[in-house]
Amino acid sequence: MATFTAQIRPYDLDAFSSVDSGLGWSLDARRCAVLVHDVLPYYLKVLDPAQQEALVGTIDALVADAVVADVPVLASAPRPASDLQQRGVGGRLWGLGPSAAEVSTSPLASLPGDAVWVRKRSLSAFYATDLDVELRRRGRDQLLIVGVFASGGVVATTFDALARDIEVFVVGDAVADYDQDLHRLALNQVARSTGQVIPRSAVTAALHAQPTSKEHV
């Protein structure tokens, strides 16, 4: 039975802290929601410890900023399976996947208690979920993605977002992959085909540029 393992080559996420390229969209806190993609100990454990710490710290700070700016925060995780057949080809490749307890465990201290969890059946957070319904319900047509893995579920989600007329942004230094080459290839794919790659610093500026709901009163 296959289990989730990966050959990794540690690298510094700061290598992508200045990447800003793509289809020309501008992030707007009034239009966007944050998707924390598969940020679970089950997946993070394959990364180098220093990389795990850097990624979680960056995402934690970004989510905290989003909460202050009244930007909705959603999180994705696989649906737990009790049988390999429920996972299809994915079961043959990666085993059963995380358990019911593991898909409910987040390492993020800032993840709000009312964050919506979308339980997906495949790589994309849109696959067999109501993520697009949740976004429309909140009047959001932009999606800001952070998490793992850049060349897998993150890229897959960007294609499905584009197909649903949702402008997608990937935070270059708030996603991670098995190695730097895969990370770079994933960001290039997004920038050329499906959305906008922006650095964490640009997200901070965009979120802080918008008045919070309290300032509207």
N, C-alpha and C. Protein backbone atom coordinates (compact mmCIF):
# COMPACT_ATOMS: atom_id res chain seq x y z
N MET A 1 0.85 -1.19 0.00
CA MET A 1 0.00 0.00 0.00
C MET A 1 0.89 1.25 0.00
N ALA A 2 0.60 2.18 -0.92
CA ALA A 2 1.40 3.40 -1.00
C ALA A 2 1.08 4.32 0.16
N THR A 3 2.08 4.99 0.67
CA THR A 3 1.89 6.00 1.69
C THR A 3 2.53 7.29 1.21
N PHE A 4 2.17 8.39 1.85
CA PHE A 4 2.64 9.68 1.38
C PHE A 4 4.08 9.94 1.82
N THR A 5 4.98 9.91 0.86
CA THR A 5 6.36 10.27 1.09
C THR A 5 6.81 11.12 -0.10
N ALA A 6 7.93 11.76 0.04
CA ALA A 6 8.42 12.60 -1.06
C ALA A 6 9.92 12.78 -0.93
N GLN A 7 10.57 12.84 -2.08
CA GLN A 7 11.98 13.19 -2.09
C GLN A 7 12.08 14.71 -2.11
N ILE A 8 12.69 15.28 -1.10
CA ILE A 8 12.75 16.73 -1.01
C ILE A 8 14.19 17.22 -1.08
N ARG A 9 14.31 18.43 -1.55
CA ARG A 9 15.59 19.14 -1.52
C ARG A 9 15.30 20.50 -0.87
N PRO A 10 15.70 20.67 0.37
CA PRO A 10 15.38 21.91 1.10
C PRO A 10 15.87 23.15 0.35
N TYR A 11 15.09 24.22 0.46
CA TYR A 11 15.45 25.50 -0.15
C TYR A 11 14.80 26.61 0.65
N ASP A 12 15.20 27.83 0.36
CA ASP A 12 14.74 28.99 1.10
C ASP A 12 13.55 29.61 0.40
N LEU A 13 12.41 29.70 1.08
CA LEU A 13 11.22 30.30 0.48
C LEU A 13 11.42 31.76 0.14
N ASP A 14 12.37 32.41 0.80
CA ASP A 14 12.65 33.81 0.50
C ASP A 14 13.14 34.02 -0.92
N ALA A 15 13.55 32.93 -1.58
CA ALA A 15 13.97 33.03 -2.98
C ALA A 15 12.83 33.52 -3.87
N PHE A 16 11.59 33.40 -3.37
CA PHE A 16 10.42 33.79 -4.16
C PHE A 16 9.70 35.00 -3.55
N SER A 17 10.38 35.72 -2.69
CA SER A 17 9.74 36.83 -1.98
C SER A 17 9.61 38.10 -2.82
N SER A 18 10.16 38.10 -4.03
CA SER A 18 10.03 39.28 -4.88
C SER A 18 9.35 38.98 -6.21
N VAL A 19 8.84 37.76 -6.37
CA VAL A 19 8.18 37.39 -7.62
C VAL A 19 6.82 38.07 -7.71
N ASP A 20 6.62 38.84 -8.76
CA ASP A 20 5.36 39.56 -8.97
C ASP A 20 5.10 39.59 -10.46
N SER A 21 4.35 38.61 -10.94
CA SER A 21 4.09 38.52 -12.39
C SER A 21 2.82 37.72 -12.63
N GLY A 22 2.26 37.90 -13.82
CA GLY A 22 1.05 37.16 -14.13
C GLY A 22 0.18 37.86 -15.14
N LEU A 23 -1.11 37.71 -14.98
CA LEU A 23 -2.08 38.17 -15.96
C LEU A 23 -2.53 39.61 -15.75
N GLY A 24 -1.94 40.29 -14.77
CA GLY A 24 -2.19 41.71 -14.62
C GLY A 24 -3.29 42.10 -13.66
N TRP A 25 -3.75 41.15 -12.84
CA TRP A 25 -4.82 41.47 -11.91
C TRP A 25 -4.26 42.17 -10.66
N SER A 26 -5.11 42.94 -10.00
CA SER A 26 -4.72 43.65 -8.78
C SER A 26 -5.54 43.13 -7.61
N LEU A 27 -4.87 42.77 -6.54
CA LEU A 27 -5.54 42.22 -5.38
C LEU A 27 -6.33 43.31 -4.66
N ASP A 28 -7.59 42.98 -4.34
CA ASP A 28 -8.48 43.92 -3.67
C ASP A 28 -9.09 43.22 -2.46
N ALA A 29 -8.81 43.74 -1.27
CA ALA A 29 -9.30 43.11 -0.04
C ALA A 29 -10.82 43.02 0.01
N ARG A 30 -11.51 43.91 -0.71
CA ARG A 30 -12.97 43.89 -0.72
C ARG A 30 -13.53 42.80 -1.61
N ARG A 31 -12.68 42.24 -2.47
CA ARG A 31 -13.13 41.22 -3.42
C ARG A 31 -12.56 39.83 -3.15
N CYS A 32 -11.53 39.73 -2.31
CA CYS A 32 -10.80 38.46 -2.22
C CYS A 32 -11.15 37.66 -0.96
N ALA A 33 -10.84 36.39 -1.05
CA ALA A 33 -10.86 35.48 0.09
C ALA A 33 -9.53 34.73 0.08
N VAL A 34 -9.13 34.26 1.25
CA VAL A 34 -7.89 33.50 1.37
C VAL A 34 -8.22 32.02 1.43
N LEU A 35 -7.49 31.22 0.64
CA LEU A 35 -7.59 29.77 0.73
C LEU A 35 -6.29 29.22 1.29
N VAL A 36 -6.37 28.61 2.45
CA VAL A 36 -5.23 27.93 3.05
C VAL A 36 -5.27 26.49 2.55
N HIS A 37 -4.42 26.19 1.59
CA HIS A 37 -4.52 24.94 0.85
C HIS A 37 -3.70 23.82 1.50
N ASP A 38 -4.40 22.86 2.10
CA ASP A 38 -3.80 21.62 2.62
C ASP A 38 -2.67 21.86 3.62
N VAL A 39 -2.76 22.90 4.41
CA VAL A 39 -1.73 23.17 5.42
C VAL A 39 -2.05 22.31 6.65
N LEU A 40 -1.61 21.08 6.59
CA LEU A 40 -1.83 20.08 7.62
C LEU A 40 -0.49 19.45 8.01
N PRO A 41 -0.30 19.10 9.27
CA PRO A 41 0.94 18.42 9.65
C PRO A 41 1.22 17.18 8.80
N TYR A 42 0.17 16.50 8.37
CA TYR A 42 0.32 15.29 7.55
C TYR A 42 1.16 15.57 6.30
N TYR A 43 0.95 16.73 5.67
CA TYR A 43 1.71 17.09 4.48
C TYR A 43 3.00 17.83 4.81
N LEU A 44 2.93 18.71 5.78
CA LEU A 44 4.09 19.53 6.10
C LEU A 44 5.27 18.70 6.60
N LYS A 45 4.98 17.54 7.18
CA LYS A 45 6.04 16.74 7.80
C LYS A 45 7.09 16.28 6.79
N VAL A 46 6.77 16.27 5.49
CA VAL A 46 7.77 15.83 4.52
C VAL A 46 8.78 16.94 4.21
N LEU A 47 8.48 18.17 4.61
CA LEU A 47 9.38 19.28 4.34
C LEU A 47 10.49 19.35 5.39
N ASP A 48 11.56 20.03 5.04
CA ASP A 48 12.62 20.30 5.98
C ASP A 48 12.06 21.10 7.16
N PRO A 49 12.46 20.79 8.40
CA PRO A 49 11.92 21.50 9.57
C PRO A 49 12.02 23.02 9.47
N ALA A 50 13.14 23.53 8.98
CA ALA A 50 13.29 24.99 8.86
C ALA A 50 12.29 25.54 7.85
N GLN A 51 12.04 24.78 6.79
CA GLN A 51 11.08 25.21 5.77
C GLN A 51 9.66 25.17 6.32
N GLN A 52 9.36 24.14 7.09
CA GLN A 52 8.04 24.08 7.74
C GLN A 52 7.81 25.31 8.60
N GLU A 53 8.79 25.63 9.41
CA GLU A 53 8.66 26.75 10.33
C GLU A 53 8.47 28.06 9.58
N ALA A 54 9.24 28.25 8.51
CA ALA A 54 9.13 29.48 7.73
C ALA A 54 7.77 29.58 7.06
N LEU A 55 7.31 28.47 6.48
CA LEU A 55 6.02 28.48 5.77
C LEU A 55 4.87 28.75 6.73
N VAL A 56 4.83 28.02 7.83
CA VAL A 56 3.75 28.21 8.80
C VAL A 56 3.76 29.62 9.36
N GLY A 57 4.95 30.15 9.65
CA GLY A 57 5.04 31.51 10.18
C GLY A 57 4.51 32.55 9.21
N THR A 58 4.88 32.39 7.93
CA THR A 58 4.42 33.34 6.91
C THR A 58 2.91 33.27 6.73
N ILE A 59 2.38 32.05 6.65
CA ILE A 59 0.93 31.88 6.45
C ILE A 59 0.17 32.36 7.68
N ASP A 60 0.69 32.08 8.86
CA ASP A 60 0.04 32.53 10.09
C ASP A 60 -0.11 34.05 10.10
N ALA A 61 0.97 34.75 9.73
CA ALA A 61 0.93 36.21 9.72
C ALA A 61 -0.03 36.72 8.66
N LEU A 62 -0.05 36.08 7.49
CA LEU A 62 -0.95 36.50 6.42
C LEU A 62 -2.41 36.30 6.82
N VAL A 63 -2.72 35.16 7.41
CA VAL A 63 -4.10 34.90 7.84
C VAL A 63 -4.52 35.90 8.91
N ALA A 64 -3.62 36.23 9.82
CA ALA A 64 -3.94 37.22 10.86
C ALA A 64 -4.27 38.56 10.23
N ASP A 65 -3.50 38.97 9.22
CA ASP A 65 -3.79 40.22 8.51
C ASP A 65 -5.15 40.15 7.81
N ALA A 66 -5.45 39.00 7.22
CA ALA A 66 -6.73 38.84 6.52
C ALA A 66 -7.90 38.97 7.49
N VAL A 67 -7.78 38.39 8.66
CA VAL A 67 -8.85 38.46 9.65
C VAL A 67 -9.09 39.91 10.07
N VAL A 68 -8.02 40.66 10.31
CA VAL A 68 -8.15 42.06 10.68
C VAL A 68 -8.82 42.87 9.57
N ALA A 69 -8.52 42.51 8.33
CA ALA A 69 -9.08 43.23 7.17
C ALA A 69 -10.46 42.72 6.77
N ASP A 70 -11.04 41.82 7.57
CA ASP A 70 -12.37 41.24 7.27
C ASP A 70 -12.40 40.49 5.94
N VAL A 71 -11.29 39.86 5.61
CA VAL A 71 -11.21 39.02 4.41
C VAL A 71 -11.55 37.59 4.83
N PRO A 72 -12.50 36.94 4.17
CA PRO A 72 -12.86 35.57 4.55
C PRO A 72 -11.67 34.62 4.40
N VAL A 73 -11.58 33.68 5.32
CA VAL A 73 -10.53 32.67 5.29
C VAL A 73 -11.16 31.29 5.18
N LEU A 74 -10.73 30.53 4.18
CA LEU A 74 -11.20 29.16 3.98
C LEU A 74 -9.99 28.24 3.99
N ALA A 75 -10.21 26.98 4.32
CA ALA A 75 -9.11 26.02 4.36
C ALA A 75 -9.55 24.74 3.65
N SER A 76 -8.61 24.14 2.93
CA SER A 76 -8.92 22.89 2.25
C SER A 76 -8.20 21.73 2.89
N ALA A 77 -8.79 20.55 2.75
CA ALA A 77 -8.18 19.30 3.21
C ALA A 77 -8.89 18.16 2.47
N PRO A 78 -8.21 17.04 2.27
CA PRO A 78 -8.87 15.91 1.62
C PRO A 78 -9.98 15.34 2.49
N ARG A 79 -10.95 14.75 1.83
CA ARG A 79 -11.95 14.00 2.58
C ARG A 79 -11.29 12.72 3.10
N PRO A 80 -11.44 12.42 4.37
CA PRO A 80 -10.83 11.19 4.88
C PRO A 80 -11.47 9.97 4.24
N ALA A 81 -10.66 8.97 3.97
CA ALA A 81 -11.14 7.75 3.32
C ALA A 81 -10.93 6.56 4.25
N SER A 82 -11.82 5.60 4.16
CA SER A 82 -11.69 4.37 4.94
C SER A 82 -11.30 3.19 4.08
N ASP A 83 -11.30 3.42 2.75
CA ASP A 83 -10.97 2.37 1.80
C ASP A 83 -10.19 2.97 0.64
N LEU A 84 -9.19 2.26 0.16
CA LEU A 84 -8.38 2.78 -0.94
C LEU A 84 -9.20 3.10 -2.18
N GLN A 85 -10.27 2.34 -2.42
CA GLN A 85 -11.09 2.58 -3.60
C GLN A 85 -11.73 3.95 -3.58
N GLN A 86 -11.97 4.48 -2.40
CA GLN A 86 -12.55 5.82 -2.29
C GLN A 86 -11.59 6.88 -2.81
N ARG A 87 -10.32 6.56 -2.84
CA ARG A 87 -9.30 7.51 -3.31
C ARG A 87 -8.94 7.31 -4.76
N GLY A 88 -9.46 6.26 -5.39
CA GLY A 88 -9.18 6.04 -6.81
C GLY A 88 -7.69 5.86 -7.07
N VAL A 89 -7.23 6.46 -8.16
CA VAL A 89 -5.81 6.37 -8.52
C VAL A 89 -4.95 6.98 -7.41
N GLY A 90 -5.46 8.03 -6.77
CA GLY A 90 -4.72 8.64 -5.68
C GLY A 90 -4.41 7.66 -4.57
N GLY A 91 -5.30 6.72 -4.33
CA GLY A 91 -5.06 5.71 -3.31
C GLY A 91 -3.90 4.81 -3.68
N ARG A 92 -3.79 4.46 -4.97
CA ARG A 92 -2.68 3.62 -5.41
C ARG A 92 -1.36 4.38 -5.34
N LEU A 93 -1.42 5.68 -5.52
CA LEU A 93 -0.20 6.48 -5.52
C LEU A 93 0.23 6.89 -4.12
N TRP A 94 -0.74 7.29 -3.28
CA TRP A 94 -0.40 7.93 -2.01
C TRP A 94 -1.07 7.30 -0.79
N GLY A 95 -1.75 6.19 -0.99
CA GLY A 95 -2.38 5.54 0.15
C GLY A 95 -3.69 6.18 0.56
N LEU A 96 -4.12 5.90 1.79
CA LEU A 96 -5.42 6.37 2.27
C LEU A 96 -5.48 7.87 2.49
N GLY A 97 -4.34 8.49 2.68
CA GLY A 97 -4.34 9.91 2.97
C GLY A 97 -4.56 10.16 4.44
N PRO A 98 -4.69 11.42 4.83
CA PRO A 98 -4.85 11.75 6.25
C PRO A 98 -6.15 11.23 6.83
N SER A 99 -6.10 10.90 8.10
CA SER A 99 -7.28 10.39 8.81
C SER A 99 -8.24 11.54 9.13
N ALA A 100 -9.39 11.19 9.67
CA ALA A 100 -10.38 12.20 10.06
C ALA A 100 -9.80 13.16 11.09
N ALA A 101 -9.00 12.65 12.01
CA ALA A 101 -8.38 13.53 13.00
C ALA A 101 -7.33 14.42 12.35
N GLU A 102 -6.57 13.86 11.40
CA GLU A 102 -5.48 14.63 10.78
C GLU A 102 -5.99 15.74 9.87
N VAL A 103 -7.15 15.56 9.26
CA VAL A 103 -7.67 16.62 8.39
C VAL A 103 -8.33 17.74 9.18
N SER A 104 -8.42 17.58 10.47
CA SER A 104 -9.01 18.62 11.32
C SER A 104 -7.95 19.29 12.20
N THR A 105 -6.70 19.00 11.92
CA THR A 105 -5.61 19.54 12.73
C THR A 105 -4.84 20.58 11.94
N SER A 106 -4.86 21.82 12.40
CA SER A 106 -4.15 22.89 11.73
C SER A 106 -3.00 23.39 12.60
N PRO A 107 -1.84 23.65 11.99
CA PRO A 107 -0.73 24.22 12.76
C PRO A 107 -0.79 25.73 12.88
N LEU A 108 -1.84 26.34 12.34
CA LEU A 108 -1.94 27.80 12.29
C LEU A 108 -2.67 28.34 13.52
N ALA A 109 -1.98 29.14 14.28
CA ALA A 109 -2.59 29.73 15.47
C ALA A 109 -3.63 30.78 15.11
N SER A 110 -3.47 31.42 13.95
CA SER A 110 -4.35 32.52 13.57
C SER A 110 -5.59 32.09 12.79
N LEU A 111 -5.70 30.80 12.46
CA LEU A 111 -6.85 30.36 11.68
C LEU A 111 -8.11 30.57 12.50
N PRO A 112 -9.05 31.39 12.01
CA PRO A 112 -10.24 31.69 12.82
C PRO A 112 -11.11 30.47 13.04
N GLY A 113 -11.80 30.46 14.17
CA GLY A 113 -12.65 29.33 14.49
C GLY A 113 -13.80 29.15 13.52
N ASP A 114 -14.20 30.25 12.84
CA ASP A 114 -15.30 30.15 11.89
C ASP A 114 -14.82 29.98 10.45
N ALA A 115 -13.55 29.65 10.29
CA ALA A 115 -13.04 29.41 8.94
C ALA A 115 -13.80 28.24 8.31
N VAL A 116 -14.16 28.38 7.04
CA VAL A 116 -14.88 27.32 6.33
C VAL A 116 -13.87 26.29 5.81
N TRP A 117 -14.11 25.03 6.12
CA TRP A 117 -13.26 23.96 5.60
C TRP A 117 -13.94 23.33 4.38
N VAL A 118 -13.20 23.20 3.31
CA VAL A 118 -13.71 22.50 2.13
C VAL A 118 -12.99 21.16 2.04
N ARG A 119 -13.77 20.10 1.97
CA ARG A 119 -13.22 18.74 1.95
C ARG A 119 -13.24 18.23 0.52
N LYS A 120 -12.08 18.12 -0.07
CA LYS A 120 -11.98 17.83 -1.49
C LYS A 120 -11.70 16.36 -1.76
N ARG A 121 -11.99 15.95 -2.97
CA ARG A 121 -11.77 14.57 -3.38
C ARG A 121 -10.51 14.39 -4.22
N SER A 122 -9.95 15.48 -4.69
CA SER A 122 -8.78 15.37 -5.55
C SER A 122 -7.87 16.56 -5.29
N LEU A 123 -6.93 16.82 -6.21
CA LEU A 123 -5.93 17.86 -5.98
C LEU A 123 -6.55 19.24 -5.81
N SER A 124 -7.46 19.60 -6.70
CA SER A 124 -8.04 20.94 -6.68
C SER A 124 -9.01 21.12 -5.52
N ALA A 125 -8.97 22.28 -4.90
CA ALA A 125 -9.90 22.59 -3.81
C ALA A 125 -11.31 22.82 -4.32
N PHE A 126 -11.49 22.91 -5.63
CA PHE A 126 -12.83 23.06 -6.20
C PHE A 126 -13.47 21.71 -6.52
N TYR A 127 -12.67 20.65 -6.55
CA TYR A 127 -13.19 19.37 -7.02
C TYR A 127 -14.11 18.73 -5.99
N ALA A 128 -15.37 18.56 -6.37
CA ALA A 128 -16.38 17.93 -5.50
C ALA A 128 -16.55 18.68 -4.18
N THR A 129 -16.41 20.01 -4.23
CA THR A 129 -16.65 20.84 -3.06
C THR A 129 -17.59 21.98 -3.45
N ASP A 130 -17.98 22.77 -2.46
CA ASP A 130 -18.80 23.95 -2.74
C ASP A 130 -18.00 25.23 -2.55
N LEU A 131 -16.69 25.17 -2.84
CA LEU A 131 -15.84 26.34 -2.67
C LEU A 131 -16.33 27.52 -3.48
N ASP A 132 -16.72 27.29 -4.73
CA ASP A 132 -17.20 28.41 -5.56
C ASP A 132 -18.49 29.00 -5.00
N VAL A 133 -19.35 28.16 -4.43
CA VAL A 133 -20.60 28.64 -3.82
C VAL A 133 -20.27 29.50 -2.60
N GLU A 134 -19.32 29.05 -1.80
CA GLU A 134 -18.92 29.81 -0.61
C GLU A 134 -18.36 31.19 -1.00
N LEU A 135 -17.59 31.23 -2.07
CA LEU A 135 -17.03 32.51 -2.52
C LEU A 135 -18.13 33.45 -3.01
N ARG A 136 -19.04 32.94 -3.81
CA ARG A 136 -20.13 33.78 -4.33
C ARG A 136 -21.02 34.26 -3.19
N ARG A 137 -21.24 33.41 -2.22
CA ARG A 137 -22.09 33.77 -1.08
C ARG A 137 -21.52 34.96 -0.33
N ARG A 138 -20.21 35.06 -0.34
CA ARG A 138 -19.54 36.17 0.34
C ARG A 138 -19.22 37.33 -0.58
N GLY A 139 -19.68 37.24 -1.83
CA GLY A 139 -19.45 38.31 -2.78
C GLY A 139 -17.99 38.45 -3.17
N ARG A 140 -17.26 37.34 -3.22
CA ARG A 140 -15.84 37.35 -3.52
C ARG A 140 -15.57 36.71 -4.87
N ASP A 141 -14.83 37.42 -5.71
CA ASP A 141 -14.47 36.87 -7.02
C ASP A 141 -12.95 36.85 -7.23
N GLN A 142 -12.21 36.97 -6.13
CA GLN A 142 -10.77 36.79 -6.14
C GLN A 142 -10.41 35.78 -5.05
N LEU A 143 -9.41 34.94 -5.36
CA LEU A 143 -8.98 33.91 -4.41
C LEU A 143 -7.47 33.98 -4.24
N LEU A 144 -7.04 34.14 -3.01
CA LEU A 144 -5.62 34.24 -2.67
C LEU A 144 -5.21 32.90 -2.06
N ILE A 145 -4.26 32.21 -2.69
CA ILE A 145 -3.91 30.85 -2.27
C ILE A 145 -2.55 30.82 -1.61
N VAL A 146 -2.50 30.13 -0.46
CA VAL A 146 -1.25 29.83 0.23
C VAL A 146 -1.27 28.34 0.58
N GLY A 147 -0.10 27.74 0.79
CA GLY A 147 -0.08 26.36 1.25
C GLY A 147 0.78 25.44 0.42
N VAL A 148 0.40 24.17 0.37
CA VAL A 148 1.16 23.13 -0.32
C VAL A 148 0.21 22.27 -1.16
N PHE A 149 0.76 21.61 -2.15
CA PHE A 149 2.08 21.80 -2.75
C PHE A 149 1.92 22.60 -4.01
N ALA A 150 2.87 23.49 -4.28
CA ALA A 150 2.69 24.46 -5.35
C ALA A 150 2.41 23.81 -6.70
N SER A 151 3.18 22.77 -7.04
CA SER A 151 3.04 22.15 -8.37
C SER A 151 1.92 21.14 -8.44
N GLY A 152 1.25 20.89 -7.32
CA GLY A 152 0.15 19.93 -7.30
C GLY A 152 -1.19 20.60 -7.12
N GLY A 153 -1.70 20.53 -5.89
CA GLY A 153 -3.04 21.07 -5.63
C GLY A 153 -3.18 22.55 -5.84
N VAL A 154 -2.11 23.31 -5.59
CA VAL A 154 -2.21 24.76 -5.77
C VAL A 154 -2.44 25.10 -7.24
N VAL A 155 -1.60 24.55 -8.13
CA VAL A 155 -1.77 24.82 -9.56
C VAL A 155 -3.11 24.29 -10.05
N ALA A 156 -3.49 23.09 -9.61
CA ALA A 156 -4.78 22.53 -10.04
C ALA A 156 -5.94 23.44 -9.64
N THR A 157 -5.87 24.01 -8.45
CA THR A 157 -6.92 24.91 -7.99
C THR A 157 -6.98 26.17 -8.83
N THR A 158 -5.83 26.66 -9.28
CA THR A 158 -5.84 27.88 -10.10
C THR A 158 -6.53 27.66 -11.43
N PHE A 159 -6.36 26.49 -12.02
CA PHE A 159 -7.05 26.21 -13.28
C PHE A 159 -8.56 26.17 -13.08
N ASP A 160 -9.00 25.54 -11.99
CA ASP A 160 -10.43 25.48 -11.73
C ASP A 160 -11.00 26.84 -11.36
N ALA A 161 -10.21 27.68 -10.72
CA ALA A 161 -10.66 29.04 -10.41
C ALA A 161 -10.88 29.82 -11.70
N LEU A 162 -9.93 29.74 -12.60
CA LEU A 162 -10.06 30.44 -13.89
C LEU A 162 -11.31 29.99 -14.63
N ALA A 163 -11.58 28.70 -14.61
CA ALA A 163 -12.76 28.16 -15.30
C ALA A 163 -14.07 28.67 -14.69
N ARG A 164 -14.00 29.17 -13.46
CA ARG A 164 -15.18 29.69 -12.76
C ARG A 164 -15.19 31.21 -12.69
N ASP A 165 -14.38 31.84 -13.53
CA ASP A 165 -14.31 33.31 -13.60
C ASP A 165 -13.88 33.93 -12.27
N ILE A 166 -13.01 33.25 -11.57
CA ILE A 166 -12.46 33.76 -10.31
C ILE A 166 -11.00 34.14 -10.55
N GLU A 167 -10.65 35.37 -10.23
CA GLU A 167 -9.26 35.80 -10.36
C GLU A 167 -8.46 35.20 -9.22
N VAL A 168 -7.40 34.49 -9.56
CA VAL A 168 -6.64 33.76 -8.55
C VAL A 168 -5.24 34.35 -8.39
N PHE A 169 -4.81 34.41 -7.14
CA PHE A 169 -3.49 34.92 -6.79
C PHE A 169 -2.77 33.85 -5.97
N VAL A 170 -1.53 33.59 -6.31
CA VAL A 170 -0.71 32.66 -5.53
C VAL A 170 0.41 33.45 -4.88
N VAL A 171 0.55 33.30 -3.57
CA VAL A 171 1.59 34.03 -2.84
C VAL A 171 2.89 33.24 -2.96
N GLY A 172 3.83 33.78 -3.74
CA GLY A 172 5.02 33.03 -4.11
C GLY A 172 5.84 32.52 -2.96
N ASP A 173 5.95 33.29 -1.88
CA ASP A 173 6.74 32.87 -0.73
C ASP A 173 5.88 32.35 0.41
N ALA A 174 4.60 32.05 0.13
CA ALA A 174 3.71 31.44 1.12
C ALA A 174 3.14 30.12 0.61
N VAL A 175 3.80 29.56 -0.42
CA VAL A 175 3.53 28.20 -0.87
C VAL A 175 4.87 27.46 -0.84
N ALA A 176 4.81 26.15 -0.89
CA ALA A 176 6.04 25.36 -0.86
C ALA A 176 5.88 24.13 -1.74
N ASP A 177 7.03 23.54 -2.07
CA ASP A 177 7.03 22.33 -2.89
C ASP A 177 8.17 21.43 -2.46
N TYR A 178 8.35 20.33 -3.17
CA TYR A 178 9.38 19.37 -2.79
C TYR A 178 10.79 19.90 -3.05
N ASP A 179 10.92 20.78 -4.02
CA ASP A 179 12.22 21.39 -4.27
C ASP A 179 12.02 22.73 -4.97
N GLN A 180 13.09 23.48 -5.08
CA GLN A 180 13.00 24.83 -5.62
C GLN A 180 12.62 24.85 -7.10
N ASP A 181 13.06 23.87 -7.86
CA ASP A 181 12.74 23.82 -9.28
C ASP A 181 11.24 23.63 -9.50
N LEU A 182 10.63 22.71 -8.74
CA LEU A 182 9.19 22.51 -8.86
C LEU A 182 8.43 23.76 -8.44
N HIS A 183 8.89 24.40 -7.39
CA HIS A 183 8.27 25.64 -6.93
C HIS A 183 8.29 26.68 -8.03
N ARG A 184 9.45 26.85 -8.65
CA ARG A 184 9.60 27.86 -9.70
C ARG A 184 8.72 27.52 -10.91
N LEU A 185 8.72 26.25 -11.30
CA LEU A 185 7.90 25.83 -12.44
C LEU A 185 6.42 26.09 -12.18
N ALA A 186 5.97 25.82 -10.95
CA ALA A 186 4.57 26.04 -10.61
C ALA A 186 4.20 27.51 -10.71
N LEU A 187 5.05 28.38 -10.17
CA LEU A 187 4.76 29.81 -10.24
C LEU A 187 4.78 30.32 -11.67
N ASN A 188 5.70 29.81 -12.47
CA ASN A 188 5.73 30.20 -13.89
C ASN A 188 4.45 29.77 -14.60
N GLN A 189 3.96 28.58 -14.27
CA GLN A 189 2.72 28.08 -14.88
C GLN A 189 1.55 28.99 -14.54
N VAL A 190 1.45 29.36 -13.28
CA VAL A 190 0.37 30.25 -12.85
C VAL A 190 0.48 31.60 -13.55
N ALA A 191 1.66 32.18 -13.55
CA ALA A 191 1.85 33.51 -14.12
C ALA A 191 1.55 33.54 -15.61
N ARG A 192 1.82 32.46 -16.30
CA ARG A 192 1.60 32.42 -17.75
C ARG A 192 0.17 32.07 -18.13
N SER A 193 -0.50 31.29 -17.27
CA SER A 193 -1.75 30.67 -17.73
C SER A 193 -2.99 30.95 -16.91
N THR A 194 -2.87 31.08 -15.59
CA THR A 194 -4.08 31.02 -14.78
C THR A 194 -4.29 32.18 -13.81
N GLY A 195 -3.26 32.97 -13.53
CA GLY A 195 -3.49 34.01 -12.53
C GLY A 195 -2.31 34.92 -12.30
N GLN A 196 -2.15 35.32 -11.06
CA GLN A 196 -1.13 36.29 -10.68
C GLN A 196 -0.31 35.71 -9.53
N VAL A 197 1.00 35.81 -9.64
CA VAL A 197 1.89 35.45 -8.55
C VAL A 197 2.33 36.74 -7.88
N ILE A 198 2.14 36.81 -6.56
CA ILE A 198 2.51 38.02 -5.83
C ILE A 198 3.28 37.64 -4.58
N PRO A 199 4.14 38.50 -4.07
CA PRO A 199 4.86 38.22 -2.84
C PRO A 199 4.03 38.55 -1.61
N ARG A 200 4.42 37.97 -0.51
CA ARG A 200 3.75 38.23 0.76
C ARG A 200 3.71 39.72 1.08
N SER A 201 4.76 40.45 0.77
CA SER A 201 4.80 41.88 1.06
C SER A 201 3.71 42.64 0.33
N ALA A 202 3.39 42.21 -0.90
CA ALA A 202 2.33 42.87 -1.67
C ALA A 202 0.96 42.58 -1.08
N VAL A 203 0.80 41.38 -0.53
CA VAL A 203 -0.47 41.04 0.12
C VAL A 203 -0.68 41.93 1.34
N THR A 204 0.37 42.09 2.13
CA THR A 204 0.29 42.95 3.31
C THR A 204 -0.13 44.36 2.92
N ALA A 205 0.48 44.89 1.87
CA ALA A 205 0.16 46.24 1.43
C ALA A 205 -1.29 46.34 0.97
N ALA A 206 -1.77 45.34 0.23
CA ALA A 206 -3.15 45.37 -0.28
C ALA A 206 -4.17 45.27 0.86
N LEU A 207 -3.90 44.41 1.83
CA LEU A 207 -4.84 44.25 2.94
C LEU A 207 -4.86 45.48 3.83
N HIS A 208 -3.71 46.09 4.03
CA HIS A 208 -3.65 47.26 4.89
C HIS A 208 -4.18 48.52 4.19
N ALA A 209 -4.28 48.47 2.86
CA ALA A 209 -4.73 49.64 2.11
C ALA A 209 -6.23 49.82 2.20
N GLN A 210 -6.96 48.75 2.58
CA GLN A 210 -8.41 48.81 2.62
C GLN A 210 -8.90 49.09 4.04
N PRO A 211 -9.90 49.95 4.20
CA PRO A 211 -10.47 50.18 5.53
C PRO A 211 -11.18 48.93 6.03
N THR A 212 -11.09 48.66 7.31
CA THR A 212 -11.82 47.53 7.89
C THR A 212 -13.28 47.91 8.05
N SER A 213 -14.10 46.92 8.38
CA SER A 213 -15.54 47.17 8.53
C SER A 213 -15.80 48.19 9.63
N LYS A 214 -14.95 48.21 10.68
CA LYS A 214 -15.14 49.16 11.76
C LYS A 214 -14.96 50.59 11.27
N GLU A 215 -14.05 50.77 10.30
CA GLU A 215 -13.80 52.10 9.79
C GLU A 215 -14.90 52.57 8.86
N HIS A 216 -15.73 51.63 8.40
CA HIS A 216 -16.86 52.00 7.56
C HIS A 216 -17.99 52.61 8.39
N VAL A 217 -18.04 52.23 9.65
CA VAL A 217 -19.17 52.65 10.51
C VAL A 217 -19.10 54.14 10.80
